[in-house]
Amino acid sequence: MMNVGLEERGVYEDFNPYETYFFKIGAHGLVCFHGRNYSIKQRLSAEQTSKLISDPRFFRISTNCYVNLTQVSEIRDNVVWFRDERHGIKTISVPRRNLEQLKRLIPSQRGKVTAGVN
């Protein structure tokens, strides 16, 4: 039980937005980062937000949602999967119009990209 508390404390104190699975941009600079076992909201300046969305590690899947390409484990149908051995699976749906481009940006994942029901 004590290890969990220490781990959560580390996530919030040592937060790195480049280690998140995906993030969503809200109104007035509020950005919600989603990771393996957390969701953290932070208010960012326009410059910080611009720097984040222009980083090649992130791909825009909808108007305000960006996926971290380095954290994608698998793509099934229209769903991006993020896996963590300890914390399990997190998923997010991707619109079909962005799916093919996303698949091309993750060439190492081609063997894990599936279509249809498994």
C-alpha atoms as a PDB file:
ATOM      1  CA  MET A   1       0.000   0.000   0.000  1.00  0.00           C
ATOM      2  CA  MET A   2       2.828   2.376   0.785  1.00  0.00           C
ATOM      3  CA  ASN A   3       4.454   1.809  -2.615  1.00  0.00           C
ATOM      4  CA  VAL A   4       1.288   2.925  -4.400  1.00  0.00           C
ATOM      5  CA  GLY A   5       1.263   6.209  -2.497  1.00  0.00           C
ATOM      6  CA  LEU A   6       4.891   6.838  -3.313  1.00  0.00           C
ATOM      7  CA  GLU A   7       4.339   6.003  -6.973  1.00  0.00           C
ATOM      8  CA  GLU A   8       1.365   8.374  -7.294  1.00  0.00           C
ATOM      9  CA  ARG A   9       3.328  11.114  -5.604  1.00  0.00           C
ATOM     10  CA  GLY A  10       6.141  10.603  -8.099  1.00  0.00           C
ATOM     11  CA  VAL A  11       3.743  10.819 -11.067  1.00  0.00           C
ATOM     12  CA  TYR A  12       2.445  14.214  -9.993  1.00  0.00           C
ATOM     13  CA  GLU A  13       5.743  15.678  -8.816  1.00  0.00           C
ATOM     14  CA  ASP A  14       7.875  14.355 -11.670  1.00  0.00           C
ATOM     15  CA  PHE A  15       5.225  14.746 -14.361  1.00  0.00           C
ATOM     16  CA  ASN A  16       6.536  14.617 -17.928  1.00  0.00           C
ATOM     17  CA  PRO A  17       3.918  15.291 -20.642  1.00  0.00           C
ATOM     18  CA  TYR A  18       6.018  13.369 -23.173  1.00  0.00           C
ATOM     19  CA  GLU A  19       5.424  10.120 -21.254  1.00  0.00           C
ATOM     20  CA  THR A  20       1.618  10.360 -21.419  1.00  0.00           C
ATOM     21  CA  TYR A  21      -0.514   8.191 -23.693  1.00  0.00           C
ATOM     22  CA  PHE A  22      -2.600  11.065 -25.041  1.00  0.00           C
ATOM     23  CA  PHE A  23      -3.810  14.528 -24.136  1.00  0.00           C
ATOM     24  CA  LYS A  24      -6.848  16.685 -24.800  1.00  0.00           C
ATOM     25  CA  ILE A  25      -6.834  20.444 -25.079  1.00  0.00           C
ATOM     26  CA  GLY A  26      -9.686  22.297 -23.415  1.00  0.00           C
ATOM     27  CA  ALA A  27     -10.691  25.917 -23.094  1.00  0.00           C
ATOM     28  CA  HIS A  28      -8.394  28.641 -21.746  1.00  0.00           C
ATOM     29  CA  GLY A  29      -5.195  26.603 -22.002  1.00  0.00           C
ATOM     30  CA  LEU A  30      -6.398  23.708 -19.858  1.00  0.00           C
ATOM     31  CA  VAL A  31      -4.793  20.444 -21.029  1.00  0.00           C
ATOM     32  CA  CYS A  32      -5.755  17.023 -19.665  1.00  0.00           C
ATOM     33  CA  PHE A  33      -2.976  14.440 -19.894  1.00  0.00           C
ATOM     34  CA  HIS A  34      -3.900  10.734 -19.742  1.00  0.00           C
ATOM     35  CA  GLY A  35      -1.263   8.190 -18.764  1.00  0.00           C
ATOM     36  CA  ARG A  36      -0.991   4.637 -17.530  1.00  0.00           C
ATOM     37  CA  ASN A  37      -2.858   5.207 -14.254  1.00  0.00           C
ATOM     38  CA  TYR A  38      -3.549   8.913 -14.093  1.00  0.00           C
ATOM     39  CA  SER A  39      -5.237  11.908 -15.656  1.00  0.00           C
ATOM     40  CA  ILE A  40      -3.624  15.241 -14.886  1.00  0.00           C
ATOM     41  CA  LYS A  41      -5.058  18.629 -15.790  1.00  0.00           C
ATOM     42  CA  GLN A  42      -2.653  21.520 -16.233  1.00  0.00           C
ATOM     43  CA  ARG A  43      -3.049  25.059 -17.456  1.00  0.00           C
ATOM     44  CA  LEU A  44      -0.454  25.744 -20.164  1.00  0.00           C
ATOM     45  CA  SER A  45       0.480  28.947 -21.937  1.00  0.00           C
ATOM     46  CA  ALA A  46      -0.188  29.256 -25.666  1.00  0.00           C
ATOM     47  CA  GLU A  47       3.550  28.839 -26.283  1.00  0.00           C
ATOM     48  CA  GLN A  48       3.742  25.640 -24.209  1.00  0.00           C
ATOM     49  CA  THR A  49       0.674  24.189 -25.939  1.00  0.00           C
ATOM     50  CA  SER A  50       2.071  25.076 -29.374  1.00  0.00           C
ATOM     51  CA  LYS A  51       5.386  23.406 -28.552  1.00  0.00           C
ATOM     52  CA  LEU A  52       3.600  20.272 -27.376  1.00  0.00           C
ATOM     53  CA  ILE A  53       1.310  19.878 -30.399  1.00  0.00           C
ATOM     54  CA  SER A  54       4.153  20.544 -32.850  1.00  0.00           C
ATOM     55  CA  ASP A  55       6.277  17.756 -31.349  1.00  0.00           C
ATOM     56  CA  PRO A  56       6.565  14.839 -33.841  1.00  0.00           C
ATOM     57  CA  ARG A  57       5.814  12.315 -31.062  1.00  0.00           C
ATOM     58  CA  PHE A  58       2.196  13.495 -30.993  1.00  0.00           C
ATOM     59  CA  PHE A  59      -0.390  12.918 -33.718  1.00  0.00           C
ATOM     60  CA  ARG A  60      -3.723  14.741 -33.825  1.00  0.00           C
ATOM     61  CA  ILE A  61      -6.601  12.280 -33.993  1.00  0.00           C
ATOM     62  CA  SER A  62      -9.381  14.827 -33.511  1.00  0.00           C
ATOM     63  CA  THR A  63      -9.818  18.561 -33.115  1.00  0.00           C
ATOM     64  CA  ASN A  64      -8.476  18.659 -29.564  1.00  0.00           C
ATOM     65  CA  CYS A  65      -6.950  15.216 -28.944  1.00  0.00           C
ATOM     66  CA  TYR A  66      -3.347  14.139 -29.578  1.00  0.00           C
ATOM     67  CA  VAL A  67      -1.898  10.604 -29.266  1.00  0.00           C
ATOM     68  CA  ASN A  68       1.694   9.899 -28.223  1.00  0.00           C
ATOM     69  CA  LEU A  69       3.010   7.706 -31.054  1.00  0.00           C
ATOM     70  CA  THR A  70       5.826   6.308 -28.905  1.00  0.00           C
ATOM     71  CA  GLN A  71       3.331   4.875 -26.415  1.00  0.00           C
ATOM     72  CA  VAL A  72       0.966   3.097 -28.866  1.00  0.00           C
ATOM     73  CA  SER A  73       0.994  -0.668 -28.362  1.00  0.00           C
ATOM     74  CA  GLU A  74      -1.534  -1.778 -30.936  1.00  0.00           C
ATOM     75  CA  ILE A  75      -4.276  -0.587 -33.274  1.00  0.00           C
ATOM     76  CA  ARG A  76      -7.423  -2.687 -33.641  1.00  0.00           C
ATOM     77  CA  ASP A  77     -10.263  -1.563 -35.843  1.00  0.00           C
ATOM     78  CA  ASN A  78     -10.620   2.142 -34.936  1.00  0.00           C
ATOM     79  CA  VAL A  79      -9.137   1.838 -31.462  1.00  0.00           C
ATOM     80  CA  VAL A  80      -5.620   2.687 -30.297  1.00  0.00           C
ATOM     81  CA  TRP A  81      -4.392   0.528 -27.419  1.00  0.00           C
ATOM     82  CA  PHE A  82      -1.821   1.516 -24.827  1.00  0.00           C
ATOM     83  CA  ARG A  83      -0.466  -1.342 -22.708  1.00  0.00           C
ATOM     84  CA  ASP A  84       1.377  -1.308 -19.432  1.00  0.00           C
ATOM     85  CA  GLU A  85       2.444  -4.556 -17.767  1.00  0.00           C
ATOM     86  CA  ARG A  86       1.515  -3.306 -14.324  1.00  0.00           C
ATOM     87  CA  HIS A  87      -1.513  -1.078 -14.920  1.00  0.00           C
ATOM     88  CA  GLY A  88      -3.237  -2.826 -17.809  1.00  0.00           C
ATOM     89  CA  ILE A  89      -4.737  -1.376 -20.958  1.00  0.00           C
ATOM     90  CA  LYS A  90      -6.058   2.055 -21.889  1.00  0.00           C
ATOM     91  CA  THR A  91      -7.800   2.711 -25.202  1.00  0.00           C
ATOM     92  CA  ILE A  92      -9.018   5.610 -27.287  1.00  0.00           C
ATOM     93  CA  SER A  93     -11.114   5.620 -30.472  1.00  0.00           C
ATOM     94  CA  VAL A  94      -9.705   7.143 -33.641  1.00  0.00           C
ATOM     95  CA  PRO A  95     -11.864   8.538 -36.457  1.00  0.00           C
ATOM     96  CA  ARG A  96     -11.471   6.483 -39.659  1.00  0.00           C
ATOM     97  CA  ARG A  97     -10.223   9.482 -41.644  1.00  0.00           C
ATOM     98  CA  ASN A  98      -7.118   9.627 -39.401  1.00  0.00           C
ATOM     99  CA  LEU A  99      -6.580   5.912 -39.012  1.00  0.00           C
ATOM    100  CA  GLU A 100      -4.501   5.239 -42.141  1.00  0.00           C
ATOM    101  CA  GLN A 101      -2.159   8.133 -41.502  1.00  0.00           C
ATOM    102  CA  LEU A 102      -1.731   6.998 -37.900  1.00  0.00           C
ATOM    103  CA  LYS A 103      -0.865   3.473 -39.074  1.00  0.00           C
ATOM    104  CA  ARG A 104       1.769   4.865 -41.460  1.00  0.00           C
ATOM    105  CA  LEU A 105       3.378   6.844 -38.644  1.00  0.00           C
ATOM    106  CA  ILE A 106       3.842   3.702 -36.564  1.00  0.00           C
ATOM    107  CA  PRO A 107       5.755   1.394 -38.929  1.00  0.00           C
ATOM    108  CA  SER A 108       7.118  -0.779 -36.124  1.00  0.00           C
ATOM    109  CA  GLN A 109       3.545  -1.581 -35.107  1.00  0.00           C
ATOM    110  CA  ARG A 110       2.400  -2.917 -38.500  1.00  0.00           C
ATOM    111  CA  GLY A 111       2.534  -6.479 -37.287  1.00  0.00           C
ATOM    112  CA  LYS A 112       0.158  -5.625 -34.474  1.00  0.00           C
ATOM    113  CA  VAL A 113      -2.349  -3.599 -36.511  1.00  0.00           C
ATOM    114  CA  THR A 114      -5.459  -5.654 -37.063  1.00  0.00           C
ATOM    115  CA  ALA A 115      -8.809  -5.173 -38.721  1.00  0.00           C
ATOM    116  CA  GLY A 116     -12.049  -6.904 -37.943  1.00  0.00           C
ATOM    117  CA  VAL A 117     -12.878  -8.924 -34.871  1.00  0.00           C
ATOM    118  CA  ASN A 118     -10.075 -10.923 -33.255  1.00  0.00           C
END
